[in-house]
């Protein structure tokens, strides 16, 4: 099986701001999870059997000419404390939740699940019933209403909830807007991201 991810990328102003905070984490704590990941919003990650089937599925989609490009807002900093996927505190920037993003995520999860073989092996780490239900349905636990759109900075291990670095991070101001007009697909292997293709299917 191949691990793939669907990303929304951002303009240089937002990218440089997030990279600035990634660098601050690196200087203070050294190597941490997600530090080497590109700046992006993850719509979902999945494990699929064939990469070529993914590409062919999107090549065959009939894409209508867009008359309007959707705006999204990047708002305040946040922290996923004791992140079960990393065993650390994951620092991120919120994206203002809206129906467009939620519907976009579900639309593409359905396209892939209806056309490809998606891995849905049992994940014992998922204790939440809603997460388990989403995973068994889509192959991705954080789908629909439970999903929190965000841009990850890093996941820091070995520090407390009230560490000064976290408190200072949460007090920062971060408000930007950008437009969504493409989704990019990547293959993830050994914690590295390899670009596959992009789609205008929004």
N, C-alpha and C. Protein backbone atom coordinates (compact mmCIF):
# COMPACT_ATOMS: atom_id res chain seq x y z
N UNK A 1 0.85 -1.20 0.00
CA UNK A 1 0.00 0.00 0.00
C UNK A 1 0.89 1.26 0.00
N UNK A 2 0.37 2.33 -0.59
CA UNK A 2 1.10 3.59 -0.67
C UNK A 2 0.37 4.66 0.14
N UNK A 3 1.10 5.39 0.97
CA UNK A 3 0.49 6.47 1.73
C UNK A 3 0.47 7.73 0.87
N UNK A 4 -0.71 8.32 0.72
CA UNK A 4 -0.84 9.54 -0.06
C UNK A 4 -1.53 10.61 0.79
N UNK A 5 -1.34 11.86 0.40
CA UNK A 5 -1.95 12.98 1.12
C UNK A 5 -2.48 13.99 0.13
N UNK A 6 -3.59 14.63 0.50
CA UNK A 6 -4.16 15.73 -0.28
C UNK A 6 -3.93 17.03 0.47
N UNK A 7 -3.24 17.97 -0.17
CA UNK A 7 -2.85 19.22 0.48
C UNK A 7 -3.48 20.42 -0.21
N UNK A 8 -3.69 21.47 0.57
CA UNK A 8 -3.91 22.82 0.06
C UNK A 8 -2.68 23.62 0.44
N UNK A 9 -2.03 24.24 -0.54
CA UNK A 9 -0.83 25.04 -0.29
C UNK A 9 -1.22 26.52 -0.20
N UNK A 10 -0.28 27.34 0.31
CA UNK A 10 -0.59 28.74 0.59
C UNK A 10 0.40 29.69 -0.08
N UNK A 11 0.02 30.97 -0.07
CA UNK A 11 0.89 31.96 -0.69
C UNK A 11 2.17 32.15 0.13
N UNK A 12 3.13 32.83 -0.45
CA UNK A 12 4.45 32.97 0.16
C UNK A 12 4.41 33.71 1.50
N UNK A 13 3.52 34.66 1.64
CA UNK A 13 3.43 35.42 2.89
C UNK A 13 3.09 34.49 4.05
N UNK A 14 2.10 33.62 3.84
CA UNK A 14 1.71 32.66 4.87
C UNK A 14 2.79 31.61 5.07
N UNK A 15 3.32 31.11 3.97
CA UNK A 15 4.36 30.08 4.04
C UNK A 15 5.57 30.57 4.84
N UNK A 16 6.02 31.79 4.56
CA UNK A 16 7.19 32.32 5.26
C UNK A 16 6.93 32.52 6.74
N UNK A 17 5.71 32.88 7.09
CA UNK A 17 5.36 33.07 8.50
C UNK A 17 5.41 31.75 9.25
N UNK A 18 4.86 30.71 8.66
CA UNK A 18 4.87 29.39 9.31
C UNK A 18 6.30 28.86 9.39
N UNK A 19 7.09 29.05 8.33
CA UNK A 19 8.49 28.61 8.34
C UNK A 19 9.29 29.34 9.43
N UNK A 20 8.93 30.58 9.69
CA UNK A 20 9.58 31.34 10.76
C UNK A 20 9.38 30.63 12.11
N UNK A 21 8.18 30.16 12.37
CA UNK A 21 7.90 29.48 13.64
C UNK A 21 8.48 28.07 13.66
N UNK A 22 8.52 27.42 12.52
CA UNK A 22 9.20 26.12 12.45
C UNK A 22 10.67 26.27 12.85
N UNK A 23 11.29 27.33 12.36
CA UNK A 23 12.69 27.57 12.66
C UNK A 23 12.90 27.87 14.14
N UNK A 24 11.96 28.59 14.76
CA UNK A 24 12.06 28.89 16.18
C UNK A 24 11.97 27.60 17.01
N UNK A 25 11.11 26.67 16.60
CA UNK A 25 11.02 25.38 17.28
C UNK A 25 12.34 24.62 17.12
N UNK A 26 12.87 24.62 15.92
CA UNK A 26 14.12 23.91 15.64
C UNK A 26 15.27 24.47 16.49
N UNK A 27 15.34 25.78 16.61
CA UNK A 27 16.40 26.41 17.40
C UNK A 27 16.27 26.08 18.88
N UNK A 28 15.04 26.01 19.36
CA UNK A 28 14.81 25.80 20.80
C UNK A 28 14.84 24.33 21.19
N UNK A 29 14.28 23.44 20.34
CA UNK A 29 14.09 22.05 20.73
C UNK A 29 14.81 21.04 19.83
N UNK A 30 15.45 21.50 18.77
CA UNK A 30 16.12 20.58 17.86
C UNK A 30 15.12 19.85 16.97
N UNK A 31 15.50 18.67 16.56
CA UNK A 31 14.67 17.89 15.64
C UNK A 31 13.36 17.47 16.30
N UNK A 32 12.23 17.79 15.63
CA UNK A 32 10.91 17.43 16.15
C UNK A 32 10.02 16.97 14.99
N UNK A 33 8.98 16.23 15.34
CA UNK A 33 8.06 15.71 14.32
C UNK A 33 7.38 16.85 13.58
N UNK A 34 7.24 16.71 12.27
CA UNK A 34 6.56 17.63 11.34
C UNK A 34 7.41 18.85 10.96
N UNK A 35 8.58 19.04 11.59
CA UNK A 35 9.37 20.23 11.26
C UNK A 35 9.79 20.27 9.80
N UNK A 36 10.07 19.09 9.22
CA UNK A 36 10.55 19.07 7.83
C UNK A 36 9.41 18.96 6.83
N UNK A 37 8.15 19.00 7.29
CA UNK A 37 7.02 18.92 6.37
C UNK A 37 6.78 20.27 5.71
N UNK A 38 6.37 20.29 4.44
CA UNK A 38 6.06 21.56 3.78
C UNK A 38 4.86 22.23 4.43
N UNK A 39 4.77 23.54 4.26
CA UNK A 39 3.65 24.30 4.82
C UNK A 39 2.39 24.00 4.01
N UNK A 40 1.36 23.50 4.68
CA UNK A 40 0.16 23.09 3.97
C UNK A 40 -0.99 22.84 4.93
N UNK A 41 -2.17 22.75 4.37
CA UNK A 41 -3.35 22.22 5.06
C UNK A 41 -3.58 20.81 4.54
N UNK A 42 -3.63 19.85 5.43
CA UNK A 42 -3.91 18.47 5.02
C UNK A 42 -5.41 18.24 4.99
N UNK A 43 -5.93 17.94 3.81
CA UNK A 43 -7.34 17.54 3.72
C UNK A 43 -7.53 16.14 4.26
N UNK A 44 -6.59 15.25 3.93
CA UNK A 44 -6.63 13.88 4.44
C UNK A 44 -5.37 13.15 4.02
N UNK A 45 -5.09 12.06 4.71
CA UNK A 45 -4.07 11.09 4.28
C UNK A 45 -4.75 9.73 4.18
N UNK A 46 -4.33 8.95 3.21
CA UNK A 46 -4.91 7.63 2.98
C UNK A 46 -3.82 6.66 2.57
N UNK A 47 -4.11 5.38 2.70
CA UNK A 47 -3.25 4.35 2.12
C UNK A 47 -4.02 3.67 1.00
N UNK A 48 -3.45 3.71 -0.20
CA UNK A 48 -4.12 3.15 -1.37
C UNK A 48 -3.22 2.10 -2.02
N UNK A 49 -3.82 1.27 -2.85
CA UNK A 49 -3.08 0.16 -3.45
C UNK A 49 -2.21 0.61 -4.62
N UNK A 50 -2.78 1.48 -5.50
CA UNK A 50 -2.05 1.87 -6.71
C UNK A 50 -2.09 3.37 -6.93
N UNK A 51 -0.91 3.97 -7.06
CA UNK A 51 -0.80 5.40 -7.34
C UNK A 51 -1.40 5.72 -8.70
N UNK A 52 -1.14 4.88 -9.69
CA UNK A 52 -1.64 5.14 -11.05
C UNK A 52 -3.16 5.20 -11.08
N UNK A 53 -3.82 4.38 -10.25
CA UNK A 53 -5.28 4.41 -10.19
C UNK A 53 -5.78 5.75 -9.66
N UNK A 54 -5.03 6.34 -8.73
CA UNK A 54 -5.40 7.65 -8.20
C UNK A 54 -5.30 8.70 -9.30
N UNK A 55 -4.19 8.70 -10.02
CA UNK A 55 -3.99 9.66 -11.10
C UNK A 55 -5.07 9.51 -12.17
N UNK A 56 -5.35 8.28 -12.55
CA UNK A 56 -6.35 8.03 -13.60
C UNK A 56 -7.75 8.46 -13.17
N UNK A 57 -8.06 8.26 -11.89
CA UNK A 57 -9.37 8.68 -11.38
C UNK A 57 -9.57 10.17 -11.57
N UNK A 58 -8.55 10.96 -11.27
CA UNK A 58 -8.69 12.41 -11.39
C UNK A 58 -8.59 12.88 -12.84
N UNK A 59 -7.86 12.15 -13.66
CA UNK A 59 -7.81 12.49 -15.09
C UNK A 59 -9.18 12.34 -15.74
N UNK A 60 -9.96 11.41 -15.22
CA UNK A 60 -11.27 11.14 -15.81
C UNK A 60 -12.40 12.00 -15.26
N UNK A 61 -12.10 12.85 -14.27
CA UNK A 61 -13.13 13.72 -13.72
C UNK A 61 -13.45 14.85 -14.70
N UNK A 62 -14.71 15.18 -14.80
CA UNK A 62 -15.12 16.30 -15.63
C UNK A 62 -15.13 17.56 -14.77
N UNK A 63 -14.18 18.46 -15.03
CA UNK A 63 -14.03 19.65 -14.22
C UNK A 63 -14.70 20.83 -14.92
N UNK A 64 -15.65 21.43 -14.23
CA UNK A 64 -16.34 22.59 -14.78
C UNK A 64 -15.47 23.84 -14.59
N UNK A 65 -15.61 24.77 -15.49
CA UNK A 65 -14.87 26.02 -15.37
C UNK A 65 -15.33 26.76 -14.12
N UNK A 66 -14.39 27.16 -13.29
CA UNK A 66 -14.73 27.82 -12.03
C UNK A 66 -15.10 29.28 -12.30
N UNK A 67 -16.17 29.73 -11.66
CA UNK A 67 -16.58 31.12 -11.77
C UNK A 67 -16.15 31.91 -10.54
N UNK A 68 -15.88 31.23 -9.45
CA UNK A 68 -15.40 31.93 -8.26
C UNK A 68 -14.43 31.03 -7.49
N UNK A 69 -13.40 31.63 -6.93
CA UNK A 69 -12.41 30.91 -6.14
C UNK A 69 -12.69 31.18 -4.67
N UNK A 70 -12.67 30.15 -3.87
CA UNK A 70 -13.07 30.27 -2.47
C UNK A 70 -11.98 30.90 -1.61
N UNK A 71 -12.40 31.80 -0.72
CA UNK A 71 -11.49 32.41 0.24
C UNK A 71 -11.48 31.61 1.54
N UNK A 72 -10.31 31.50 2.16
CA UNK A 72 -10.21 30.90 3.47
C UNK A 72 -9.42 31.83 4.38
N UNK A 73 -9.67 31.72 5.68
CA UNK A 73 -9.01 32.60 6.65
C UNK A 73 -8.17 31.79 7.61
N UNK A 74 -6.94 32.23 7.80
CA UNK A 74 -6.05 31.62 8.78
C UNK A 74 -6.09 32.52 10.01
N UNK A 75 -6.40 31.92 11.17
CA UNK A 75 -6.66 32.75 12.35
C UNK A 75 -5.64 32.49 13.46
N UNK A 76 -6.09 32.12 14.63
CA UNK A 76 -5.25 32.09 15.82
C UNK A 76 -4.39 30.84 15.94
N UNK A 77 -3.28 30.91 16.71
CA UNK A 77 -2.49 29.71 17.01
C UNK A 77 -3.26 28.76 17.92
N UNK A 78 -2.87 27.49 17.90
CA UNK A 78 -3.48 26.50 18.78
C UNK A 78 -2.52 25.36 19.06
N UNK A 79 -2.91 24.49 19.99
CA UNK A 79 -2.09 23.34 20.36
C UNK A 79 -2.97 22.11 20.54
N UNK A 80 -2.61 21.01 19.92
CA UNK A 80 -3.21 19.72 20.23
C UNK A 80 -2.35 19.11 21.35
N UNK A 81 -2.82 19.24 22.58
CA UNK A 81 -2.05 18.72 23.71
C UNK A 81 -2.07 17.19 23.72
N UNK A 82 -0.94 16.59 24.02
CA UNK A 82 -0.84 15.13 24.11
C UNK A 82 -1.41 14.46 22.86
N UNK A 83 -0.97 14.92 21.71
CA UNK A 83 -1.42 14.40 20.42
C UNK A 83 -1.18 12.88 20.36
N UNK A 84 -2.25 12.07 20.22
CA UNK A 84 -2.07 10.62 20.23
C UNK A 84 -1.26 10.08 19.06
N UNK A 85 -1.16 10.86 17.98
CA UNK A 85 -0.40 10.41 16.82
C UNK A 85 1.10 10.66 16.96
N UNK A 86 1.49 11.55 17.90
CA UNK A 86 2.90 11.90 18.03
C UNK A 86 3.45 11.77 19.45
N UNK A 87 2.55 11.66 20.43
CA UNK A 87 2.94 11.67 21.85
C UNK A 87 3.63 12.96 22.24
N UNK A 88 3.29 14.03 21.56
CA UNK A 88 3.83 15.34 21.88
C UNK A 88 2.73 16.38 21.83
N UNK A 89 3.10 17.64 22.01
CA UNK A 89 2.16 18.75 21.87
C UNK A 89 2.33 19.34 20.47
N UNK A 90 1.27 19.30 19.67
CA UNK A 90 1.36 19.73 18.28
C UNK A 90 0.90 21.17 18.13
N UNK A 91 1.81 22.04 17.72
CA UNK A 91 1.52 23.46 17.52
C UNK A 91 1.01 23.68 16.09
N UNK A 92 0.00 24.51 15.96
CA UNK A 92 -0.60 24.73 14.65
C UNK A 92 -1.26 26.11 14.58
N UNK A 93 -1.65 26.50 13.37
CA UNK A 93 -2.47 27.69 13.16
C UNK A 93 -3.83 27.25 12.66
N UNK A 94 -4.86 27.81 13.28
CA UNK A 94 -6.23 27.49 12.90
C UNK A 94 -6.60 28.06 11.54
N UNK A 95 -7.42 27.32 10.81
CA UNK A 95 -8.13 27.87 9.67
C UNK A 95 -9.58 27.99 10.07
N UNK A 96 -10.18 29.11 9.77
CA UNK A 96 -11.57 29.31 10.13
C UNK A 96 -12.43 28.23 9.48
N UNK A 97 -13.13 27.49 10.31
CA UNK A 97 -13.92 26.37 9.81
C UNK A 97 -15.09 26.89 8.99
N UNK A 98 -15.34 26.27 7.86
CA UNK A 98 -16.47 26.67 7.02
C UNK A 98 -16.97 25.47 6.23
N UNK A 99 -18.15 25.59 5.71
CA UNK A 99 -18.77 24.47 4.99
C UNK A 99 -18.01 24.12 3.72
N UNK A 100 -17.38 25.12 3.12
CA UNK A 100 -16.62 24.84 1.89
C UNK A 100 -15.52 23.82 2.15
N UNK A 101 -14.72 24.05 3.17
CA UNK A 101 -13.62 23.13 3.46
C UNK A 101 -14.13 21.75 3.84
N UNK A 102 -15.15 21.70 4.68
CA UNK A 102 -15.71 20.42 5.11
C UNK A 102 -16.24 19.64 3.92
N UNK A 103 -17.01 20.32 3.07
CA UNK A 103 -17.59 19.65 1.90
C UNK A 103 -16.52 19.24 0.89
N UNK A 104 -15.47 20.07 0.76
CA UNK A 104 -14.38 19.75 -0.15
C UNK A 104 -13.67 18.48 0.29
N UNK A 105 -13.40 18.38 1.58
CA UNK A 105 -12.74 17.19 2.11
C UNK A 105 -13.57 15.93 1.85
N UNK A 106 -14.86 15.99 2.21
CA UNK A 106 -15.72 14.82 2.06
C UNK A 106 -15.92 14.45 0.59
N UNK A 107 -16.01 15.45 -0.29
CA UNK A 107 -16.18 15.18 -1.71
C UNK A 107 -15.02 14.35 -2.26
N UNK A 108 -13.80 14.72 -1.88
CA UNK A 108 -12.64 14.01 -2.41
C UNK A 108 -12.44 12.66 -1.72
N UNK A 109 -12.79 12.56 -0.45
CA UNK A 109 -12.73 11.25 0.21
C UNK A 109 -13.69 10.27 -0.46
N UNK A 110 -14.86 10.74 -0.82
CA UNK A 110 -15.85 9.88 -1.49
C UNK A 110 -15.39 9.48 -2.89
N UNK A 111 -14.80 10.43 -3.62
CA UNK A 111 -14.30 10.12 -4.96
C UNK A 111 -13.28 8.98 -4.90
N UNK A 112 -12.35 9.09 -3.98
CA UNK A 112 -11.29 8.09 -3.89
C UNK A 112 -11.83 6.75 -3.39
N UNK A 113 -12.67 6.78 -2.37
CA UNK A 113 -13.20 5.54 -1.83
C UNK A 113 -14.13 4.82 -2.81
N UNK A 114 -14.78 5.58 -3.68
CA UNK A 114 -15.67 4.97 -4.67
C UNK A 114 -14.92 4.38 -5.87
N UNK A 115 -13.65 4.75 -6.01
CA UNK A 115 -12.92 4.33 -7.20
C UNK A 115 -11.65 3.53 -6.93
N UNK A 116 -11.16 3.55 -5.70
CA UNK A 116 -9.89 2.91 -5.38
C UNK A 116 -10.02 2.00 -4.17
N UNK A 117 -9.05 1.11 -4.05
CA UNK A 117 -8.95 0.28 -2.86
C UNK A 117 -8.20 1.08 -1.79
N UNK A 118 -8.88 1.39 -0.69
CA UNK A 118 -8.30 2.18 0.40
C UNK A 118 -8.12 1.29 1.62
N UNK A 119 -6.95 1.36 2.23
CA UNK A 119 -6.68 0.55 3.42
C UNK A 119 -7.50 1.04 4.59
N UNK A 120 -8.14 0.10 5.30
CA UNK A 120 -8.92 0.42 6.49
C UNK A 120 -8.64 -0.61 7.59
N UNK A 121 -7.36 -0.89 7.76
CA UNK A 121 -6.96 -1.86 8.78
C UNK A 121 -7.25 -1.31 10.17
N UNK A 122 -7.39 -2.20 11.11
CA UNK A 122 -7.76 -1.80 12.47
C UNK A 122 -6.65 -0.98 13.12
N UNK A 123 -7.01 0.22 13.59
CA UNK A 123 -6.06 1.07 14.29
C UNK A 123 -6.44 1.12 15.77
N UNK A 124 -5.70 0.40 16.59
CA UNK A 124 -6.01 0.31 18.02
C UNK A 124 -5.84 1.64 18.73
N UNK A 125 -5.05 2.55 18.11
CA UNK A 125 -4.81 3.85 18.73
C UNK A 125 -6.08 4.71 18.79
N UNK A 126 -7.05 4.39 17.92
CA UNK A 126 -8.27 5.19 17.86
C UNK A 126 -9.27 4.72 18.91
N UNK A 127 -9.40 5.48 19.98
CA UNK A 127 -10.33 5.13 21.06
C UNK A 127 -11.70 5.78 20.86
N UNK A 128 -11.71 6.92 20.20
CA UNK A 128 -12.95 7.65 19.98
C UNK A 128 -13.82 6.94 18.94
N UNK A 129 -15.11 6.74 19.26
CA UNK A 129 -16.01 5.99 18.37
C UNK A 129 -16.21 6.70 17.04
N UNK A 130 -16.30 8.04 17.07
CA UNK A 130 -16.49 8.79 15.83
C UNK A 130 -15.27 8.67 14.93
N UNK A 131 -14.08 8.71 15.53
CA UNK A 131 -12.85 8.56 14.74
C UNK A 131 -12.79 7.18 14.10
N UNK A 132 -13.17 6.15 14.86
CA UNK A 132 -13.16 4.79 14.33
C UNK A 132 -14.16 4.65 13.19
N UNK A 133 -15.34 5.24 13.37
CA UNK A 133 -16.38 5.16 12.33
C UNK A 133 -15.91 5.83 11.04
N UNK A 134 -15.32 7.01 11.16
CA UNK A 134 -14.80 7.71 9.98
C UNK A 134 -13.70 6.91 9.30
N UNK A 135 -12.83 6.31 10.10
CA UNK A 135 -11.72 5.55 9.53
C UNK A 135 -12.23 4.35 8.74
N UNK A 136 -13.20 3.64 9.31
CA UNK A 136 -13.75 2.47 8.63
C UNK A 136 -14.53 2.86 7.37
N UNK A 137 -15.06 4.09 7.36
CA UNK A 137 -15.84 4.54 6.20
C UNK A 137 -14.95 5.13 5.11
N UNK A 138 -13.97 5.94 5.51
CA UNK A 138 -13.17 6.68 4.53
C UNK A 138 -11.69 6.28 4.48
N UNK A 139 -11.19 5.62 5.54
CA UNK A 139 -9.76 5.37 5.62
C UNK A 139 -9.01 6.53 6.26
N UNK A 140 -9.76 7.52 6.79
CA UNK A 140 -9.18 8.70 7.44
C UNK A 140 -10.10 9.09 8.60
N UNK A 141 -9.58 9.15 9.83
CA UNK A 141 -10.44 9.35 10.99
C UNK A 141 -10.99 10.76 11.16
N UNK A 142 -10.23 11.77 10.74
CA UNK A 142 -10.63 13.15 11.02
C UNK A 142 -11.42 13.72 9.84
N UNK A 143 -12.59 13.20 9.63
CA UNK A 143 -13.41 13.60 8.48
C UNK A 143 -14.69 14.30 8.94
N UNK A 144 -15.16 15.26 8.14
CA UNK A 144 -16.44 15.90 8.43
C UNK A 144 -16.37 16.85 9.62
N UNK A 145 -17.40 16.82 10.46
CA UNK A 145 -17.55 17.78 11.54
C UNK A 145 -16.42 17.70 12.57
N UNK A 146 -15.83 16.54 12.73
CA UNK A 146 -14.78 16.36 13.75
C UNK A 146 -13.44 16.92 13.29
N UNK A 147 -13.31 17.22 12.00
CA UNK A 147 -12.06 17.71 11.43
C UNK A 147 -11.80 19.16 11.84
N UNK A 148 -10.57 19.47 12.23
CA UNK A 148 -10.16 20.84 12.56
C UNK A 148 -9.14 21.29 11.52
N UNK A 149 -9.55 22.08 10.53
CA UNK A 149 -8.60 22.54 9.51
C UNK A 149 -7.48 23.35 10.17
N UNK A 150 -6.22 23.03 9.84
CA UNK A 150 -5.11 23.71 10.49
C UNK A 150 -3.83 23.58 9.67
N UNK A 151 -2.86 24.44 9.98
CA UNK A 151 -1.53 24.37 9.40
C UNK A 151 -0.58 23.99 10.53
N UNK A 152 0.03 22.82 10.43
CA UNK A 152 0.90 22.34 11.49
C UNK A 152 2.27 23.02 11.45
N UNK A 153 2.75 23.39 12.63
CA UNK A 153 4.11 23.91 12.77
C UNK A 153 5.06 22.75 13.12
N UNK A 154 4.79 22.11 14.26
CA UNK A 154 5.62 20.98 14.71
C UNK A 154 4.93 20.32 15.90
N UNK A 155 5.36 19.10 16.21
CA UNK A 155 4.91 18.43 17.42
C UNK A 155 6.11 18.26 18.34
N UNK A 156 6.02 18.87 19.52
CA UNK A 156 7.16 18.94 20.42
C UNK A 156 6.97 17.93 21.56
N UNK A 157 7.97 17.11 21.78
CA UNK A 157 7.91 16.12 22.85
C UNK A 157 8.79 16.54 24.02
N UNK A 158 8.47 16.02 25.20
CA UNK A 158 9.32 16.24 26.37
C UNK A 158 9.13 17.57 27.07
N UNK A 159 8.02 18.28 26.81
CA UNK A 159 7.75 19.53 27.51
C UNK A 159 6.35 19.48 28.11
N UNK A 160 6.10 20.33 29.10
CA UNK A 160 4.80 20.37 29.76
C UNK A 160 3.80 21.26 29.04
N UNK A 161 2.53 21.15 29.46
CA UNK A 161 1.47 21.95 28.85
C UNK A 161 1.67 23.44 29.05
N UNK A 162 2.32 23.81 30.13
CA UNK A 162 2.49 25.22 30.45
C UNK A 162 3.90 25.73 30.16
N UNK A 163 4.62 25.02 29.31
CA UNK A 163 5.96 25.47 28.92
C UNK A 163 5.89 26.89 28.36
N UNK A 164 6.88 27.72 28.69
CA UNK A 164 6.88 29.12 28.29
C UNK A 164 6.79 29.28 26.78
N UNK A 165 7.43 28.36 26.04
CA UNK A 165 7.41 28.45 24.58
C UNK A 165 5.98 28.31 24.06
N UNK A 166 5.22 27.36 24.62
CA UNK A 166 3.83 27.16 24.20
C UNK A 166 2.97 28.36 24.55
N UNK A 167 3.14 28.88 25.77
CA UNK A 167 2.35 30.05 26.19
C UNK A 167 2.61 31.24 25.28
N UNK A 168 3.88 31.48 24.97
CA UNK A 168 4.22 32.60 24.08
C UNK A 168 3.65 32.39 22.68
N UNK A 169 3.70 31.15 22.20
CA UNK A 169 3.17 30.85 20.88
C UNK A 169 1.67 31.13 20.81
N UNK A 170 0.93 30.72 21.84
CA UNK A 170 -0.52 30.91 21.86
C UNK A 170 -0.91 32.38 21.94
N UNK A 171 -0.01 33.23 22.39
CA UNK A 171 -0.30 34.66 22.50
C UNK A 171 0.01 35.44 21.23
N UNK A 172 0.56 34.76 20.21
CA UNK A 172 0.90 35.43 18.96
C UNK A 172 -0.35 35.73 18.13
N UNK A 173 -0.27 36.76 17.34
CA UNK A 173 -1.36 37.13 16.43
C UNK A 173 -1.02 36.63 15.03
N UNK A 174 -2.01 36.04 14.38
CA UNK A 174 -1.76 35.46 13.06
C UNK A 174 -3.07 35.46 12.29
N UNK A 175 -3.28 36.46 11.46
CA UNK A 175 -4.52 36.54 10.70
C UNK A 175 -4.22 36.87 9.24
N UNK A 176 -4.47 35.89 8.38
CA UNK A 176 -4.23 36.05 6.95
C UNK A 176 -5.39 35.44 6.18
N UNK A 177 -5.48 35.82 4.92
CA UNK A 177 -6.46 35.22 4.01
C UNK A 177 -5.76 34.72 2.76
N UNK A 178 -6.34 33.69 2.17
CA UNK A 178 -5.80 33.16 0.92
C UNK A 178 -6.96 32.59 0.12
N UNK A 179 -6.68 32.18 -1.11
CA UNK A 179 -7.69 31.62 -1.98
C UNK A 179 -7.38 30.16 -2.28
N UNK A 180 -8.41 29.36 -2.42
CA UNK A 180 -8.24 27.95 -2.75
C UNK A 180 -8.67 27.73 -4.19
N UNK A 181 -7.74 27.24 -5.02
CA UNK A 181 -8.12 26.94 -6.40
C UNK A 181 -7.56 25.61 -6.90
N UNK A 182 -6.74 24.95 -6.05
CA UNK A 182 -6.19 23.66 -6.45
C UNK A 182 -5.99 22.77 -5.22
N UNK A 183 -5.97 21.47 -5.47
CA UNK A 183 -5.57 20.50 -4.47
C UNK A 183 -4.36 19.75 -5.01
N UNK A 184 -3.34 19.60 -4.19
CA UNK A 184 -2.13 18.89 -4.60
C UNK A 184 -2.07 17.53 -3.89
N UNK A 185 -1.67 16.50 -4.65
CA UNK A 185 -1.51 15.17 -4.08
C UNK A 185 -0.03 14.81 -3.99
N UNK A 186 0.31 14.19 -2.86
CA UNK A 186 1.69 13.78 -2.61
C UNK A 186 1.72 12.32 -2.16
N UNK A 187 2.82 11.67 -2.45
CA UNK A 187 3.10 10.36 -1.87
C UNK A 187 4.04 10.57 -0.69
N UNK A 188 3.76 9.92 0.43
CA UNK A 188 4.59 10.06 1.62
C UNK A 188 5.34 8.75 1.84
N UNK A 189 6.66 8.85 1.89
CA UNK A 189 7.49 7.66 2.09
C UNK A 189 8.68 8.04 2.97
N UNK A 190 8.85 7.29 4.06
CA UNK A 190 9.95 7.56 5.00
C UNK A 190 9.95 9.02 5.45
N UNK A 191 8.74 9.51 5.73
CA UNK A 191 8.55 10.87 6.24
C UNK A 191 8.95 11.96 5.23
N UNK A 192 9.07 11.60 3.96
CA UNK A 192 9.35 12.57 2.90
C UNK A 192 8.15 12.67 1.98
N UNK A 193 7.96 13.84 1.36
CA UNK A 193 6.80 14.11 0.52
C UNK A 193 7.24 14.21 -0.94
N UNK A 194 6.58 13.43 -1.79
CA UNK A 194 6.90 13.42 -3.22
C UNK A 194 5.66 13.85 -4.00
N UNK A 195 5.80 14.97 -4.71
CA UNK A 195 4.66 15.52 -5.46
C UNK A 195 4.20 14.54 -6.54
N UNK A 196 2.88 14.35 -6.63
CA UNK A 196 2.30 13.47 -7.65
C UNK A 196 1.61 14.28 -8.75
N UNK A 197 0.61 15.06 -8.37
CA UNK A 197 -0.12 15.88 -9.36
C UNK A 197 -1.01 16.85 -8.60
N UNK A 198 -1.59 17.79 -9.34
CA UNK A 198 -2.57 18.72 -8.75
C UNK A 198 -3.85 18.66 -9.57
N UNK A 199 -4.94 19.05 -8.94
CA UNK A 199 -6.23 19.03 -9.61
C UNK A 199 -6.97 20.34 -9.37
N UNK A 200 -7.73 20.77 -10.36
CA UNK A 200 -8.60 21.95 -10.24
C UNK A 200 -9.98 21.57 -9.72
N UNK A 201 -10.18 20.30 -9.37
CA UNK A 201 -11.51 19.84 -8.98
C UNK A 201 -11.81 20.35 -7.56
N UNK A 202 -12.42 21.51 -7.48
CA UNK A 202 -12.71 22.16 -6.21
C UNK A 202 -14.22 22.19 -5.96
